[in-house]
């Protein structure tokens, strides 16, 4: 990067441009979750209440990692989802905010084939270190502000960085009069 006044010339993709920067901490006991993100100048987080999908249990089964998994469906946070849970593993959790089935969710996807989580390995070992370490000095913001930042960052990362840092970004050979190509934004939670 080259910096001149309020202009930054970027020779590489912006930080975290191809990696997810979001971490979710869930407290099932107290029914809340926190979403941490580092896309802003200062890492931030918001907290929201945790709800459970209204599952419909079905008799269908599949094998995931040699575990017999039963099918469940629900409409949750704007998506129709299909989950496969292992009743032999009495943990009522799964990826992201999916929870409250009578067994560990080993596979879950939406009916529009826009996302799919599949467990690749099961390891039984006692937890000896924290699963999640909060981003240092994370600022608490409202959910609305966090989601606005996330949407802008996903649709137009350069505009997001310019807005947060108060700078103008250029790339060598980039025509500043040409409209930047916007990227699609498709979050798991469509209710926002």
C-alpha atoms as a PDB file:
ATOM      1  CA  UNK A   1       0.000   0.000   0.000  1.00  0.00           C
ATOM      2  CA  UNK A   2       1.044   3.535  -0.648  1.00  0.00           C
ATOM      3  CA  UNK A   3      -0.440   6.330   1.427  1.00  0.00           C
ATOM      4  CA  UNK A   4      -0.593   9.946   0.324  1.00  0.00           C
ATOM      5  CA  UNK A   5      -2.731  12.309   2.409  1.00  0.00           C
ATOM      6  CA  UNK A   6      -6.198  10.746   2.459  1.00  0.00           C
ATOM      7  CA  UNK A   7      -5.512   8.463  -0.520  1.00  0.00           C
ATOM      8  CA  UNK A   8      -4.368   4.854  -0.304  1.00  0.00           C
ATOM      9  CA  UNK A   9      -3.112   3.028  -3.411  1.00  0.00           C
ATOM     10  CA  UNK A  10      -3.810  -0.688  -3.022  1.00  0.00           C
ATOM     11  CA  UNK A  11      -1.658  -3.220  -4.861  1.00  0.00           C
ATOM     12  CA  UNK A  12      -3.215  -6.237  -3.131  1.00  0.00           C
ATOM     13  CA  UNK A  13      -6.771  -7.251  -2.240  1.00  0.00           C
ATOM     14  CA  UNK A  14      -8.172  -5.560   0.899  1.00  0.00           C
ATOM     15  CA  UNK A  15      -7.590  -7.370   4.202  1.00  0.00           C
ATOM     16  CA  UNK A  16      -9.963 -10.283   4.782  1.00  0.00           C
ATOM     17  CA  UNK A  17     -11.239  -9.858   1.201  1.00  0.00           C
ATOM     18  CA  UNK A  18     -11.425 -13.578   0.582  1.00  0.00           C
ATOM     19  CA  UNK A  19     -11.844 -14.801   4.159  1.00  0.00           C
ATOM     20  CA  UNK A  20     -14.706 -14.667   6.602  1.00  0.00           C
ATOM     21  CA  UNK A  21     -14.072 -12.209   9.407  1.00  0.00           C
ATOM     22  CA  UNK A  22     -17.119 -13.021  11.504  1.00  0.00           C
ATOM     23  CA  UNK A  23     -17.204 -15.181  14.640  1.00  0.00           C
ATOM     24  CA  UNK A  24     -20.362 -16.160  16.502  1.00  0.00           C
ATOM     25  CA  UNK A  25     -20.386 -16.841  20.249  1.00  0.00           C
ATOM     26  CA  UNK A  26     -23.532 -18.606  21.445  1.00  0.00           C
ATOM     27  CA  UNK A  27     -24.750 -18.926  25.024  1.00  0.00           C
ATOM     28  CA  UNK A  28     -27.423 -21.634  24.831  1.00  0.00           C
ATOM     29  CA  UNK A  29     -28.061 -21.494  28.570  1.00  0.00           C
ATOM     30  CA  UNK A  30     -28.843 -17.762  28.649  1.00  0.00           C
ATOM     31  CA  UNK A  31     -30.382 -17.773  25.120  1.00  0.00           C
ATOM     32  CA  UNK A  32     -28.274 -15.090  23.463  1.00  0.00           C
ATOM     33  CA  UNK A  33     -25.555 -14.879  20.864  1.00  0.00           C
ATOM     34  CA  UNK A  34     -22.873 -12.350  19.973  1.00  0.00           C
ATOM     35  CA  UNK A  35     -21.535 -11.763  16.470  1.00  0.00           C
ATOM     36  CA  UNK A  36     -17.972 -10.409  16.321  1.00  0.00           C
ATOM     37  CA  UNK A  37     -16.523  -8.932  13.135  1.00  0.00           C
ATOM     38  CA  UNK A  38     -13.244  -7.289  12.203  1.00  0.00           C
ATOM     39  CA  UNK A  39     -14.199  -5.653   8.918  1.00  0.00           C
ATOM     40  CA  UNK A  40     -14.307  -2.209  10.498  1.00  0.00           C
ATOM     41  CA  UNK A  41     -11.552   0.111  11.657  1.00  0.00           C
ATOM     42  CA  UNK A  42     -12.265  -1.159  15.167  1.00  0.00           C
ATOM     43  CA  UNK A  43     -13.519  -4.755  15.604  1.00  0.00           C
ATOM     44  CA  UNK A  44     -17.132  -4.714  16.685  1.00  0.00           C
ATOM     45  CA  UNK A  45     -19.867  -7.012  17.962  1.00  0.00           C
ATOM     46  CA  UNK A  46     -23.581  -7.035  18.559  1.00  0.00           C
ATOM     47  CA  UNK A  47     -25.675  -9.192  20.852  1.00  0.00           C
ATOM     48  CA  UNK A  48     -29.117 -10.615  20.107  1.00  0.00           C
ATOM     49  CA  UNK A  49     -31.507 -13.149  21.610  1.00  0.00           C
ATOM     50  CA  UNK A  50     -31.234 -16.745  20.471  1.00  0.00           C
ATOM     51  CA  UNK A  51     -34.363 -18.416  19.169  1.00  0.00           C
ATOM     52  CA  UNK A  52     -34.887 -22.026  18.197  1.00  0.00           C
ATOM     53  CA  UNK A  53     -36.322 -23.213  14.899  1.00  0.00           C
ATOM     54  CA  UNK A  54     -39.803 -24.772  15.051  1.00  0.00           C
ATOM     55  CA  UNK A  55     -38.650 -28.176  13.797  1.00  0.00           C
ATOM     56  CA  UNK A  56     -40.812 -30.811  12.109  1.00  0.00           C
ATOM     57  CA  UNK A  57     -39.289 -34.262  12.622  1.00  0.00           C
ATOM     58  CA  UNK A  58     -39.528 -36.685   9.699  1.00  0.00           C
ATOM     59  CA  UNK A  59     -38.804 -40.421   9.567  1.00  0.00           C
ATOM     60  CA  UNK A  60     -36.191 -40.206   6.755  1.00  0.00           C
ATOM     61  CA  UNK A  61     -32.610 -41.124   7.653  1.00  0.00           C
ATOM     62  CA  UNK A  62     -29.157 -40.900   6.073  1.00  0.00           C
ATOM     63  CA  UNK A  63     -25.678 -41.875   7.175  1.00  0.00           C
ATOM     64  CA  UNK A  64     -23.231 -39.054   8.016  1.00  0.00           C
ATOM     65  CA  UNK A  65     -19.826 -40.102   9.355  1.00  0.00           C
ATOM     66  CA  UNK A  66     -21.234 -43.573  10.124  1.00  0.00           C
ATOM     67  CA  UNK A  67     -23.927 -42.000  12.310  1.00  0.00           C
ATOM     68  CA  UNK A  68     -27.595 -42.586  11.507  1.00  0.00           C
ATOM     69  CA  UNK A  69     -29.142 -39.140  11.159  1.00  0.00           C
ATOM     70  CA  UNK A  70     -32.838 -38.301  11.166  1.00  0.00           C
ATOM     71  CA  UNK A  71     -34.349 -35.579   9.012  1.00  0.00           C
ATOM     72  CA  UNK A  72     -35.929 -32.384  10.364  1.00  0.00           C
ATOM     73  CA  UNK A  73     -37.238 -29.326   8.530  1.00  0.00           C
ATOM     74  CA  UNK A  74     -38.057 -25.775   9.565  1.00  0.00           C
ATOM     75  CA  UNK A  75     -38.509 -22.226   8.340  1.00  0.00           C
ATOM     76  CA  UNK A  76     -35.913 -20.208  10.250  1.00  0.00           C
ATOM     77  CA  UNK A  77     -34.641 -16.677   9.784  1.00  0.00           C
ATOM     78  CA  UNK A  78     -36.116 -16.379   6.304  1.00  0.00           C
ATOM     79  CA  UNK A  79     -35.033 -19.766   4.915  1.00  0.00           C
ATOM     80  CA  UNK A  80     -36.533 -23.226   4.567  1.00  0.00           C
ATOM     81  CA  UNK A  81     -33.924 -25.596   5.971  1.00  0.00           C
ATOM     82  CA  UNK A  82     -33.339 -29.332   6.101  1.00  0.00           C
ATOM     83  CA  UNK A  83     -31.291 -30.737   8.970  1.00  0.00           C
ATOM     84  CA  UNK A  84     -29.948 -34.214   9.648  1.00  0.00           C
ATOM     85  CA  UNK A  85     -29.248 -34.923  13.321  1.00  0.00           C
ATOM     86  CA  UNK A  86     -27.673 -37.857  15.149  1.00  0.00           C
ATOM     87  CA  UNK A  87     -29.908 -38.989  18.019  1.00  0.00           C
ATOM     88  CA  UNK A  88     -27.000 -41.101  19.320  1.00  0.00           C
ATOM     89  CA  UNK A  89     -25.080 -37.890  20.086  1.00  0.00           C
ATOM     90  CA  UNK A  90     -27.219 -36.114  22.726  1.00  0.00           C
ATOM     91  CA  UNK A  91     -26.009 -32.583  22.010  1.00  0.00           C
ATOM     92  CA  UNK A  92     -28.770 -30.221  20.904  1.00  0.00           C
ATOM     93  CA  UNK A  93     -26.563 -28.003  18.770  1.00  0.00           C
ATOM     94  CA  UNK A  94     -25.311 -27.565  15.254  1.00  0.00           C
ATOM     95  CA  UNK A  95     -23.530 -25.024  13.082  1.00  0.00           C
ATOM     96  CA  UNK A  96     -24.280 -21.302  13.236  1.00  0.00           C
ATOM     97  CA  UNK A  97     -27.492 -20.658  15.273  1.00  0.00           C
ATOM     98  CA  UNK A  98     -29.137 -24.002  14.497  1.00  0.00           C
ATOM     99  CA  UNK A  99     -30.104 -25.814  17.687  1.00  0.00           C
ATOM    100  CA  UNK A 100     -32.715 -27.660  19.761  1.00  0.00           C
ATOM    101  CA  UNK A 101     -32.999 -30.967  17.900  1.00  0.00           C
ATOM    102  CA  UNK A 102     -32.749 -34.155  19.990  1.00  0.00           C
ATOM    103  CA  UNK A 103     -29.215 -34.828  18.735  1.00  0.00           C
ATOM    104  CA  UNK A 104     -26.186 -33.181  17.153  1.00  0.00           C
ATOM    105  CA  UNK A 105     -26.842 -31.662  13.713  1.00  0.00           C
ATOM    106  CA  UNK A 106     -24.299 -33.216  11.342  1.00  0.00           C
ATOM    107  CA  UNK A 107     -25.690 -31.816   8.097  1.00  0.00           C
ATOM    108  CA  UNK A 108     -27.904 -28.828   7.332  1.00  0.00           C
ATOM    109  CA  UNK A 109     -28.785 -26.962   4.140  1.00  0.00           C
ATOM    110  CA  UNK A 110     -31.398 -24.625   2.759  1.00  0.00           C
ATOM    111  CA  UNK A 111     -33.908 -25.756   0.140  1.00  0.00           C
ATOM    112  CA  UNK A 112     -32.602 -23.220  -2.425  1.00  0.00           C
ATOM    113  CA  UNK A 113     -29.110 -24.822  -2.314  1.00  0.00           C
ATOM    114  CA  UNK A 114     -27.476 -21.560  -1.284  1.00  0.00           C
ATOM    115  CA  UNK A 115     -25.639 -23.004   1.713  1.00  0.00           C
ATOM    116  CA  UNK A 116     -24.726 -26.373   3.163  1.00  0.00           C
ATOM    117  CA  UNK A 117     -22.910 -27.328   6.370  1.00  0.00           C
ATOM    118  CA  UNK A 118     -21.648 -30.902   6.627  1.00  0.00           C
ATOM    119  CA  UNK A 119     -19.685 -32.282   9.580  1.00  0.00           C
ATOM    120  CA  UNK A 120     -16.408 -33.772   8.341  1.00  0.00           C
ATOM    121  CA  UNK A 121     -15.033 -35.222  11.563  1.00  0.00           C
ATOM    122  CA  UNK A 122     -16.165 -36.140  15.060  1.00  0.00           C
ATOM    123  CA  UNK A 123     -13.544 -36.043  17.807  1.00  0.00           C
ATOM    124  CA  UNK A 124     -14.428 -36.867  21.386  1.00  0.00           C
ATOM    125  CA  UNK A 125     -12.059 -35.000  23.663  1.00  0.00           C
ATOM    126  CA  UNK A 126     -12.571 -32.848  26.728  1.00  0.00           C
ATOM    127  CA  UNK A 127     -12.454 -29.104  26.165  1.00  0.00           C
ATOM    128  CA  UNK A 128      -9.220 -27.751  27.619  1.00  0.00           C
ATOM    129  CA  UNK A 129      -8.965 -24.332  26.032  1.00  0.00           C
ATOM    130  CA  UNK A 130     -11.489 -21.668  25.054  1.00  0.00           C
ATOM    131  CA  UNK A 131     -13.245 -22.260  21.759  1.00  0.00           C
ATOM    132  CA  UNK A 132     -13.493 -18.563  20.972  1.00  0.00           C
ATOM    133  CA  UNK A 133     -11.352 -15.628  22.015  1.00  0.00           C
ATOM    134  CA  UNK A 134     -13.060 -12.273  21.508  1.00  0.00           C
ATOM    135  CA  UNK A 135     -11.483  -9.780  19.162  1.00  0.00           C
ATOM    136  CA  UNK A 136      -9.386  -7.440  21.262  1.00  0.00           C
ATOM    137  CA  UNK A 137     -11.074  -4.126  22.151  1.00  0.00           C
ATOM    138  CA  UNK A 138     -14.232  -4.968  20.205  1.00  0.00           C
ATOM    139  CA  UNK A 139     -16.766  -2.138  20.250  1.00  0.00           C
ATOM    140  CA  UNK A 140     -20.399  -2.985  21.026  1.00  0.00           C
ATOM    141  CA  UNK A 141     -22.689  -1.658  18.283  1.00  0.00           C
ATOM    142  CA  UNK A 142     -26.347  -2.108  17.448  1.00  0.00           C
ATOM    143  CA  UNK A 143     -27.311  -5.039  15.263  1.00  0.00           C
ATOM    144  CA  UNK A 144     -28.503  -2.589  12.601  1.00  0.00           C
ATOM    145  CA  UNK A 145     -25.126  -0.832  12.385  1.00  0.00           C
ATOM    146  CA  UNK A 146     -23.231  -4.143  12.318  1.00  0.00           C
ATOM    147  CA  UNK A 147     -25.440  -5.483   9.513  1.00  0.00           C
ATOM    148  CA  UNK A 148     -25.114  -2.244   7.514  1.00  0.00           C
ATOM    149  CA  UNK A 149     -21.321  -2.512   7.784  1.00  0.00           C
ATOM    150  CA  UNK A 150     -21.397  -6.185   6.780  1.00  0.00           C
ATOM    151  CA  UNK A 151     -23.667  -5.562   3.782  1.00  0.00           C
ATOM    152  CA  UNK A 152     -21.525  -2.665   2.516  1.00  0.00           C
ATOM    153  CA  UNK A 153     -18.324  -4.662   3.023  1.00  0.00           C
ATOM    154  CA  UNK A 154     -19.700  -7.665   1.147  1.00  0.00           C
ATOM    155  CA  UNK A 155     -21.203  -5.654  -1.706  1.00  0.00           C
ATOM    156  CA  UNK A 156     -18.361  -3.129  -2.131  1.00  0.00           C
ATOM    157  CA  UNK A 157     -15.285  -3.738   0.063  1.00  0.00           C
ATOM    158  CA  UNK A 158     -13.416  -0.646  -1.179  1.00  0.00           C
ATOM    159  CA  UNK A 159     -16.330   1.678  -0.346  1.00  0.00           C
ATOM    160  CA  UNK A 160     -16.573   0.044   3.075  1.00  0.00           C
ATOM    161  CA  UNK A 161     -12.894   0.678   3.817  1.00  0.00           C
ATOM    162  CA  UNK A 162     -13.097   4.227   2.454  1.00  0.00           C
ATOM    163  CA  UNK A 163     -16.098   5.003   4.680  1.00  0.00           C
ATOM    164  CA  UNK A 164     -14.582   3.492   7.846  1.00  0.00           C
ATOM    165  CA  UNK A 165     -11.135   5.027   7.440  1.00  0.00           C
ATOM    166  CA  UNK A 166     -12.134   8.303   5.763  1.00  0.00           C
ATOM    167  CA  UNK A 167      -9.784   7.735   2.831  1.00  0.00           C
ATOM    168  CA  UNK A 168      -9.989   7.331  -0.927  1.00  0.00           C
ATOM    169  CA  UNK A 169      -8.680   4.058  -2.331  1.00  0.00           C
ATOM    170  CA  UNK A 170      -7.362   3.534  -5.816  1.00  0.00           C
ATOM    171  CA  UNK A 171      -5.820   0.597  -7.593  1.00  0.00           C
ATOM    172  CA  UNK A 172      -3.103   1.166 -10.203  1.00  0.00           C
ATOM    173  CA  UNK A 173      -4.739   1.195 -13.629  1.00  0.00           C
ATOM    174  CA  UNK A 174      -8.250   1.598 -12.162  1.00  0.00           C
ATOM    175  CA  UNK A 175     -10.535   4.074 -13.958  1.00  0.00           C
ATOM    176  CA  UNK A 176     -12.035   6.141 -11.124  1.00  0.00           C
ATOM    177  CA  UNK A 177     -14.941   7.206 -13.373  1.00  0.00           C
ATOM    178  CA  UNK A 178     -15.932   3.590 -13.962  1.00  0.00           C
ATOM    179  CA  UNK A 179     -18.549   2.188 -11.593  1.00  0.00           C
ATOM    180  CA  UNK A 180     -17.158  -0.520  -9.338  1.00  0.00           C
ATOM    181  CA  UNK A 181     -18.656  -3.950  -9.839  1.00  0.00           C
ATOM    182  CA  UNK A 182     -20.903  -4.838  -6.902  1.00  0.00           C
ATOM    183  CA  UNK A 183     -20.779  -8.318  -5.369  1.00  0.00           C
ATOM    184  CA  UNK A 184     -23.878 -10.239  -4.288  1.00  0.00           C
ATOM    185  CA  UNK A 185     -24.809 -10.302  -0.618  1.00  0.00           C
ATOM    186  CA  UNK A 186     -26.520 -13.463   0.618  1.00  0.00           C
ATOM    187  CA  UNK A 187     -26.404 -13.764   4.426  1.00  0.00           C
ATOM    188  CA  UNK A 188     -27.630 -16.850   6.275  1.00  0.00           C
ATOM    189  CA  UNK A 189     -30.170 -14.716   8.142  1.00  0.00           C
ATOM    190  CA  UNK A 190     -32.566 -13.288   5.542  1.00  0.00           C
ATOM    191  CA  UNK A 191     -34.743 -11.568   8.174  1.00  0.00           C
ATOM    192  CA  UNK A 192     -32.333  -8.637   8.431  1.00  0.00           C
END
